[in-house]
Amino acid sequence: MPLREKLDTDLKNAMRAKDELRKLVIRSLLSSMNYAEIAKQKKLDDAGIIEVIGKEIKQRKESIEAYAAGHRQDLV
């Protein structure tokens, strides 16, 4: 099963289970994937999707480090 289909299925399951955190994360990933597709002007394959997910993970880690260094535990 392609990764995009898996994410779509996981989103539907999260919505059925009323799992707000999982739903928020998957929607965020799908949004980032759509922006990447618009920028590249083509559909992403699984490797491209994994690249987008890696960027999102890196961005979140950097944000956590920045907020932790700034003593903003409420935002971490």
PDB file of N, CA and C in Angstrom:
ATOM      1  N   MET A   1       0.850  -1.173   0.000  1.00  0.00           N
ATOM      2  CA  MET A   1       0.000   0.000   0.000  1.00  0.00           C
ATOM      3  C   MET A   1       0.895   1.236   0.000  1.00  0.00           C
ATOM      4  N   PRO A   2       0.652   2.135  -0.939  1.00  0.00           N
ATOM      5  CA  PRO A   2       1.438   3.376  -0.973  1.00  0.00           C
ATOM      6  C   PRO A   2       1.284   4.181   0.328  1.00  0.00           C
ATOM      7  N   LEU A   3       2.284   4.943   0.632  1.00  0.00           N
ATOM      8  CA  LEU A   3       2.329   5.678   1.890  1.00  0.00           C
ATOM      9  C   LEU A   3       1.199   6.701   2.000  1.00  0.00           C
ATOM     10  N   ARG A   4       0.858   7.372   0.915  1.00  0.00           N
ATOM     11  CA  ARG A   4      -0.224   8.356   0.951  1.00  0.00           C
ATOM     12  C   ARG A   4      -1.550   7.681   1.310  1.00  0.00           C
ATOM     13  N   GLU A   5      -1.817   6.523   0.718  1.00  0.00           N
ATOM     14  CA  GLU A   5      -3.048   5.793   1.031  1.00  0.00           C
ATOM     15  C   GLU A   5      -3.061   5.367   2.494  1.00  0.00           C
ATOM     16  N   LYS A   6      -1.909   4.953   2.998  1.00  0.00           N
ATOM     17  CA  LYS A   6      -1.803   4.542   4.404  1.00  0.00           C
ATOM     18  C   LYS A   6      -2.112   5.723   5.321  1.00  0.00           C
ATOM     19  N   LEU A   7      -1.586   6.893   4.999  1.00  0.00           N
ATOM     20  CA  LEU A   7      -1.864   8.082   5.807  1.00  0.00           C
ATOM     21  C   LEU A   7      -3.336   8.467   5.744  1.00  0.00           C
ATOM     22  N   ASP A   8      -3.940   8.360   4.567  1.00  0.00           N
ATOM     23  CA  ASP A   8      -5.369   8.660   4.437  1.00  0.00           C
ATOM     24  C   ASP A   8      -6.204   7.697   5.280  1.00  0.00           C
ATOM     25  N   THR A   9      -5.856   6.420   5.246  1.00  0.00           N
ATOM     26  CA  THR A   9      -6.565   5.415   6.045  1.00  0.00           C
ATOM     27  C   THR A   9      -6.372   5.680   7.530  1.00  0.00           C
ATOM     28  N   ASP A  10      -5.152   6.007   7.929  1.00  0.00           N
ATOM     29  CA  ASP A  10      -4.876   6.300   9.332  1.00  0.00           C
ATOM     30  C   ASP A  10      -5.639   7.536   9.802  1.00  0.00           C
ATOM     31  N   LEU A  11      -5.774   8.528   8.928  1.00  0.00           N
ATOM     32  CA  LEU A  11      -6.538   9.725   9.274  1.00  0.00           C
ATOM     33  C   LEU A  11      -8.003   9.372   9.515  1.00  0.00           C
ATOM     34  N   LYS A  12      -8.577   8.571   8.641  1.00  0.00           N
ATOM     35  CA  LYS A  12      -9.975   8.159   8.811  1.00  0.00           C
ATOM     36  C   LYS A  12     -10.166   7.384  10.113  1.00  0.00           C
ATOM     37  N   ASN A  13      -9.216   6.496  10.409  1.00  0.00           N
ATOM     38  CA  ASN A  13      -9.310   5.715  11.645  1.00  0.00           C
ATOM     39  C   ASN A  13      -9.179   6.613  12.873  1.00  0.00           C
ATOM     40  N   ALA A  14      -8.316   7.603  12.819  1.00  0.00           N
ATOM     41  CA  ALA A  14      -8.148   8.530  13.939  1.00  0.00           C
ATOM     42  C   ALA A  14      -9.413   9.357  14.149  1.00  0.00           C
ATOM     43  N   MET A  15     -10.044   9.742  13.051  1.00  0.00           N
ATOM     44  CA  MET A  15     -11.281  10.513  13.166  1.00  0.00           C
ATOM     45  C   MET A  15     -12.396   9.652  13.755  1.00  0.00           C
ATOM     46  N   ARG A  16     -12.475   8.395  13.351  1.00  0.00           N
ATOM     47  CA  ARG A  16     -13.491   7.491  13.906  1.00  0.00           C
ATOM     48  C   ARG A  16     -13.258   7.250  15.393  1.00  0.00           C
ATOM     49  N   ALA A  17     -11.983   7.128  15.785  1.00  0.00           N
ATOM     50  CA  ALA A  17     -11.633   6.851  17.173  1.00  0.00           C
ATOM     51  C   ALA A  17     -11.605   8.121  18.023  1.00  0.00           C
ATOM     52  N   LYS A  18     -11.830   9.271  17.390  1.00  0.00           N
ATOM     53  CA  LYS A  18     -11.784  10.573  18.065  1.00  0.00           C
ATOM     54  C   LYS A  18     -10.435  10.808  18.754  1.00  0.00           C
ATOM     55  N   ASP A  19      -9.373  10.377  18.058  1.00  0.00           N
ATOM     56  CA  ASP A  19      -8.004  10.572  18.536  1.00  0.00           C
ATOM     57  C   ASP A  19      -7.504  11.896  17.961  1.00  0.00           C
ATOM     58  N   GLU A  20      -7.687  12.972  18.724  1.00  0.00           N
ATOM     59  CA  GLU A  20      -7.395  14.323  18.235  1.00  0.00           C
ATOM     60  C   GLU A  20      -5.913  14.540  17.929  1.00  0.00           C
ATOM     61  N   LEU A  21      -5.025  14.033  18.759  1.00  0.00           N
ATOM     62  CA  LEU A  21      -3.590  14.233  18.531  1.00  0.00           C
ATOM     63  C   LEU A  21      -3.142  13.562  17.239  1.00  0.00           C
ATOM     64  N   ARG A  22      -3.534  12.311  17.054  1.00  0.00           N
ATOM     65  CA  ARG A  22      -3.151  11.583  15.832  1.00  0.00           C
ATOM     66  C   ARG A  22      -3.739  12.276  14.602  1.00  0.00           C
ATOM     67  N   LYS A  23      -4.982  12.716  14.705  1.00  0.00           N
ATOM     68  CA  LYS A  23      -5.637  13.407  13.595  1.00  0.00           C
ATOM     69  C   LYS A  23      -4.889  14.688  13.248  1.00  0.00           C
ATOM     70  N   LEU A  24      -4.505  15.459  14.255  1.00  0.00           N
ATOM     71  CA  LEU A  24      -3.781  16.702  14.035  1.00  0.00           C
ATOM     72  C   LEU A  24      -2.433  16.450  13.352  1.00  0.00           C
ATOM     73  N   VAL A  25      -1.716  15.445  13.806  1.00  0.00           N
ATOM     74  CA  VAL A  25      -0.394  15.143  13.240  1.00  0.00           C
ATOM     75  C   VAL A  25      -0.519  14.698  11.785  1.00  0.00           C
ATOM     76  N   ILE A  26      -1.456  13.812  11.504  1.00  0.00           N
ATOM     77  CA  ILE A  26      -1.604  13.311  10.140  1.00  0.00           C
ATOM     78  C   ILE A  26      -2.061  14.427   9.199  1.00  0.00           C
ATOM     79  N   ARG A  27      -2.980  15.267   9.652  1.00  0.00           N
ATOM     80  CA  ARG A  27      -3.417  16.386   8.813  1.00  0.00           C
ATOM     81  C   ARG A  27      -2.267  17.343   8.532  1.00  0.00           C
ATOM     82  N   SER A  28      -1.432  17.560   9.525  1.00  0.00           N
ATOM     83  CA  SER A  28      -0.273  18.422   9.343  1.00  0.00           C
ATOM     84  C   SER A  28       0.676  17.828   8.294  1.00  0.00           C
ATOM     85  N   LEU A  29       0.907  16.528   8.377  1.00  0.00           N
ATOM     86  CA  LEU A  29       1.768  15.868   7.393  1.00  0.00           C
ATOM     87  C   LEU A  29       1.173  15.947   5.994  1.00  0.00           C
ATOM     88  N   LEU A  30      -0.112  15.692   5.871  1.00  0.00           N
ATOM     89  CA  LEU A  30      -0.757  15.757   4.559  1.00  0.00           C
ATOM     90  C   LEU A  30      -0.682  17.167   3.984  1.00  0.00           C
ATOM     91  N   SER A  31      -0.835  18.156   4.838  1.00  0.00           N
ATOM     92  CA  SER A  31      -0.726  19.537   4.387  1.00  0.00           C
ATOM     93  C   SER A  31       0.681  19.836   3.884  1.00  0.00           C
ATOM     94  N   SER A  32       1.678  19.411   4.627  1.00  0.00           N
ATOM     95  CA  SER A  32       3.069  19.620   4.204  1.00  0.00           C
ATOM     96  C   SER A  32       3.364  18.897   2.897  1.00  0.00           C
ATOM     97  N   MET A  33       2.791  17.712   2.746  1.00  0.00           N
ATOM     98  CA  MET A  33       2.983  16.963   1.510  1.00  0.00           C
ATOM     99  C   MET A  33       2.350  17.700   0.330  1.00  0.00           C
ATOM    100  N   ASN A  34       1.182  18.275   0.549  1.00  0.00           N
ATOM    101  CA  ASN A  34       0.519  19.033  -0.527  1.00  0.00           C
ATOM    102  C   ASN A  34       1.335  20.254  -0.924  1.00  0.00           C
ATOM    103  N   TYR A  35       1.893  20.972   0.064  1.00  0.00           N
ATOM    104  CA  TYR A  35       2.742  22.121  -0.244  1.00  0.00           C
ATOM    105  C   TYR A  35       3.974  21.699  -1.038  1.00  0.00           C
ATOM    106  N   ALA A  36       4.559  20.564  -0.666  1.00  0.00           N
ATOM    107  CA  ALA A  36       5.737  20.077  -1.385  1.00  0.00           C
ATOM    108  C   ALA A  36       5.376  19.709  -2.821  1.00  0.00           C
ATOM    109  N   GLU A  37       4.196  19.117  -3.017  1.00  0.00           N
ATOM    110  CA  GLU A  37       3.762  18.768  -4.370  1.00  0.00           C
ATOM    111  C   GLU A  37       3.538  20.016  -5.215  1.00  0.00           C
ATOM    112  N   ILE A  38       2.976  21.048  -4.604  1.00  0.00           N
ATOM    113  CA  ILE A  38       2.765  22.301  -5.328  1.00  0.00           C
ATOM    114  C   ILE A  38       4.102  22.919  -5.711  1.00  0.00           C
ATOM    115  N   ALA A  39       5.051  22.896  -4.778  1.00  0.00           N
ATOM    116  CA  ALA A  39       6.368  23.483  -5.053  1.00  0.00           C
ATOM    117  C   ALA A  39       7.095  22.728  -6.162  1.00  0.00           C
ATOM    118  N   LYS A  40       6.996  21.399  -6.153  1.00  0.00           N
ATOM    119  CA  LYS A  40       7.686  20.591  -7.168  1.00  0.00           C
ATOM    120  C   LYS A  40       6.861  20.412  -8.436  1.00  0.00           C
ATOM    121  N   GLN A  41       5.599  20.769  -8.365  1.00  0.00           N
ATOM    122  CA  GLN A  41       4.663  20.648  -9.473  1.00  0.00           C
ATOM    123  C   GLN A  41       4.546  19.222  -9.993  1.00  0.00           C
ATOM    124  N   LYS A  42       4.569  18.269  -9.055  1.00  0.00           N
ATOM    125  CA  LYS A  42       4.330  16.867  -9.393  1.00  0.00           C
ATOM    126  C   LYS A  42       3.963  16.105  -8.124  1.00  0.00           C
ATOM    127  N   LYS A  43       3.340  14.957  -8.312  1.00  0.00           N
ATOM    128  CA  LYS A  43       2.958  14.118  -7.180  1.00  0.00           C
ATOM    129  C   LYS A  43       4.212  13.523  -6.546  1.00  0.00           C
ATOM    130  N   LEU A  44       4.194  13.414  -5.223  1.00  0.00           N
ATOM    131  CA  LEU A  44       5.319  12.821  -4.512  1.00  0.00           C
ATOM    132  C   LEU A  44       5.197  11.303  -4.510  1.00  0.00           C
ATOM    133  N   ASP A  45       6.334  10.643  -4.688  1.00  0.00           N
ATOM    134  CA  ASP A  45       6.349   9.202  -4.506  1.00  0.00           C
ATOM    135  C   ASP A  45       6.657   8.916  -3.037  1.00  0.00           C
ATOM    136  N   ASP A  46       6.777   7.645  -2.671  1.00  0.00           N
ATOM    137  CA  ASP A  46       7.021   7.301  -1.270  1.00  0.00           C
ATOM    138  C   ASP A  46       8.316   7.915  -0.739  1.00  0.00           C
ATOM    139  N   ALA A  47       9.349   7.974  -1.565  1.00  0.00           N
ATOM    140  CA  ALA A  47      10.615   8.569  -1.133  1.00  0.00           C
ATOM    141  C   ALA A  47      10.437  10.064  -0.857  1.00  0.00           C
ATOM    142  N   GLY A  48       9.679  10.737  -1.685  1.00  0.00           N
ATOM    143  CA  GLY A  48       9.413  12.157  -1.470  1.00  0.00           C
ATOM    144  C   GLY A  48       8.599  12.400  -0.214  1.00  0.00           C
ATOM    145  N   ILE A  49       7.650  11.512   0.048  1.00  0.00           N
ATOM    146  CA  ILE A  49       6.830  11.624   1.258  1.00  0.00           C
ATOM    147  C   ILE A  49       7.685  11.425   2.498  1.00  0.00           C
ATOM    148  N   ILE A  50       8.575  10.454   2.452  1.00  0.00           N
ATOM    149  CA  ILE A  50       9.475  10.206   3.587  1.00  0.00           C
ATOM    150  C   ILE A  50      10.380  11.408   3.811  1.00  0.00           C
ATOM    151  N   GLU A  51      10.816  12.037   2.736  1.00  0.00           N
ATOM    152  CA  GLU A  51      11.643  13.244   2.843  1.00  0.00           C
ATOM    153  C   GLU A  51      10.877  14.368   3.547  1.00  0.00           C
ATOM    154  N   VAL A  52       9.611  14.555   3.183  1.00  0.00           N
ATOM    155  CA  VAL A  52       8.778  15.584   3.817  1.00  0.00           C
ATOM    156  C   VAL A  52       8.589  15.263   5.302  1.00  0.00           C
ATOM    157  N   ILE A  53       8.343  14.004   5.617  1.00  0.00           N
ATOM    158  CA  ILE A  53       8.164  13.604   7.021  1.00  0.00           C
ATOM    159  C   ILE A  53       9.445  13.872   7.798  1.00  0.00           C
ATOM    160  N   GLY A  54      10.594  13.572   7.199  1.00  0.00           N
ATOM    161  CA  GLY A  54      11.875  13.840   7.859  1.00  0.00           C
ATOM    162  C   GLY A  54      12.077  15.321   8.132  1.00  0.00           C
ATOM    163  N   LYS A  55      11.698  16.169   7.176  1.00  0.00           N
ATOM    164  CA  LYS A  55      11.809  17.620   7.371  1.00  0.00           C
ATOM    165  C   LYS A  55      10.928  18.079   8.525  1.00  0.00           C
ATOM    166  N   GLU A  56       9.717  17.546   8.582  1.00  0.00           N
ATOM    167  CA  GLU A  56       8.783  17.924   9.646  1.00  0.00           C
ATOM    168  C   GLU A  56       9.309  17.492  11.013  1.00  0.00           C
ATOM    169  N   ILE A  57       9.876  16.304  11.088  1.00  0.00           N
ATOM    170  CA  ILE A  57      10.446  15.819  12.347  1.00  0.00           C
ATOM    171  C   ILE A  57      11.590  16.729  12.778  1.00  0.00           C
ATOM    172  N   LYS A  58      12.480  17.062  11.836  1.00  0.00           N
ATOM    173  CA  LYS A  58      13.612  17.928  12.141  1.00  0.00           C
ATOM    174  C   LYS A  58      13.133  19.295  12.625  1.00  0.00           C
ATOM    175  N   GLN A  59      12.123  19.843  11.963  1.00  0.00           N
ATOM    176  CA  GLN A  59      11.595  21.149  12.340  1.00  0.00           C
ATOM    177  C   GLN A  59      11.017  21.112  13.758  1.00  0.00           C
ATOM    178  N   ARG A  60      10.291  20.051  14.092  1.00  0.00           N
ATOM    179  CA  ARG A  60       9.711  19.939  15.437  1.00  0.00           C
ATOM    180  C   ARG A  60      10.793  19.808  16.502  1.00  0.00           C
ATOM    181  N   LYS A  61      11.832  19.032  16.221  1.00  0.00           N
ATOM    182  CA  LYS A  61      12.931  18.868  17.178  1.00  0.00           C
ATOM    183  C   LYS A  61      13.642  20.192  17.423  1.00  0.00           C
ATOM    184  N   GLU A  62      13.872  20.948  16.356  1.00  0.00           N
ATOM    185  CA  GLU A  62      14.530  22.254  16.500  1.00  0.00           C
ATOM    186  C   GLU A  62      13.659  23.209  17.311  1.00  0.00           C
ATOM    187  N   SER A  63      12.361  23.160  17.106  1.00  0.00           N
ATOM    188  CA  SER A  63      11.451  24.019  17.874  1.00  0.00           C
ATOM    189  C   SER A  63      11.481  23.660  19.346  1.00  0.00           C
ATOM    190  N   ILE A  64      11.483  22.376  19.642  1.00  0.00           N
ATOM    191  CA  ILE A  64      11.533  21.926  21.037  1.00  0.00           C
ATOM    192  C   ILE A  64      12.814  22.407  21.695  1.00  0.00           C
ATOM    193  N   GLU A  65      13.934  22.265  20.995  1.00  0.00           N
ATOM    194  CA  GLU A  65      15.217  22.708  21.543  1.00  0.00           C
ATOM    195  C   GLU A  65      15.224  24.217  21.774  1.00  0.00           C
ATOM    196  N   ALA A  66      14.667  24.973  20.837  1.00  0.00           N
ATOM    197  CA  ALA A  66      14.656  26.436  20.963  1.00  0.00           C
ATOM    198  C   ALA A  66      13.799  26.867  22.148  1.00  0.00           C
ATOM    199  N   TYR A  67      12.647  26.258  22.302  1.00  0.00           N
ATOM    200  CA  TYR A  67      11.770  26.623  23.421  1.00  0.00           C
ATOM    201  C   TYR A  67      12.364  26.174  24.751  1.00  0.00           C
ATOM    202  N   ALA A  68      13.015  25.011  24.763  1.00  0.00           N
ATOM    203  CA  ALA A  68      13.634  24.530  26.002  1.00  0.00           C
ATOM    204  C   ALA A  68      14.785  25.446  26.416  1.00  0.00           C
ATOM    205  N   ALA A  69      15.557  25.915  25.433  1.00  0.00           N
ATOM    206  CA  ALA A  69      16.668  26.812  25.729  1.00  0.00           C
ATOM    207  C   ALA A  69      16.173  28.163  26.219  1.00  0.00           C
ATOM    208  N   GLY A  70      15.004  28.568  25.758  1.00  0.00           N
ATOM    209  CA  GLY A  70      14.432  29.847  26.150  1.00  0.00           C
ATOM    210  C   GLY A  70      13.588  29.738  27.404  1.00  0.00           C
ATOM    211  N   HIS A  71      13.614  28.578  28.050  1.00  0.00           N
ATOM    212  CA  HIS A  71      12.870  28.351  29.296  1.00  0.00           C
ATOM    213  C   HIS A  71      11.389  28.541  29.088  1.00  0.00           C
ATOM    214  N   ARG A  72      10.859  28.060  28.000  1.00  0.00           N
ATOM    215  CA  ARG A  72       9.434  28.140  27.699  1.00  0.00           C
ATOM    216  C   ARG A  72       8.846  26.728  27.770  1.00  0.00           C
ATOM    217  N   GLN A  73       8.795  26.162  28.967  1.00  0.00           N
ATOM    218  CA  GLN A  73       8.312  24.801  29.125  1.00  0.00           C
ATOM    219  C   GLN A  73       6.849  24.659  28.717  1.00  0.00           C
ATOM    220  N   ASP A  74       6.090  25.735  28.796  1.00  0.00           N
ATOM    221  CA  ASP A  74       4.687  25.672  28.389  1.00  0.00           C
ATOM    222  C   ASP A  74       4.553  25.415  26.885  1.00  0.00           C
ATOM    223  N   LEU A  75       5.547  25.826  26.093  1.00  0.00           N
ATOM    224  CA  LEU A  75       5.508  25.620  24.650  1.00  0.00           C
ATOM    225  C   LEU A  75       6.210  24.345  24.199  1.00  0.00           C
ATOM    226  N   VAL A  76       7.084  23.821  25.049  1.00  0.00           N
ATOM    227  CA  VAL A  76       7.802  22.600  24.687  1.00  0.00           C
ATOM    228  C   VAL A  76       6.800  21.490  24.540  1.00  0.00           C
TER     229      VAL A  76
END
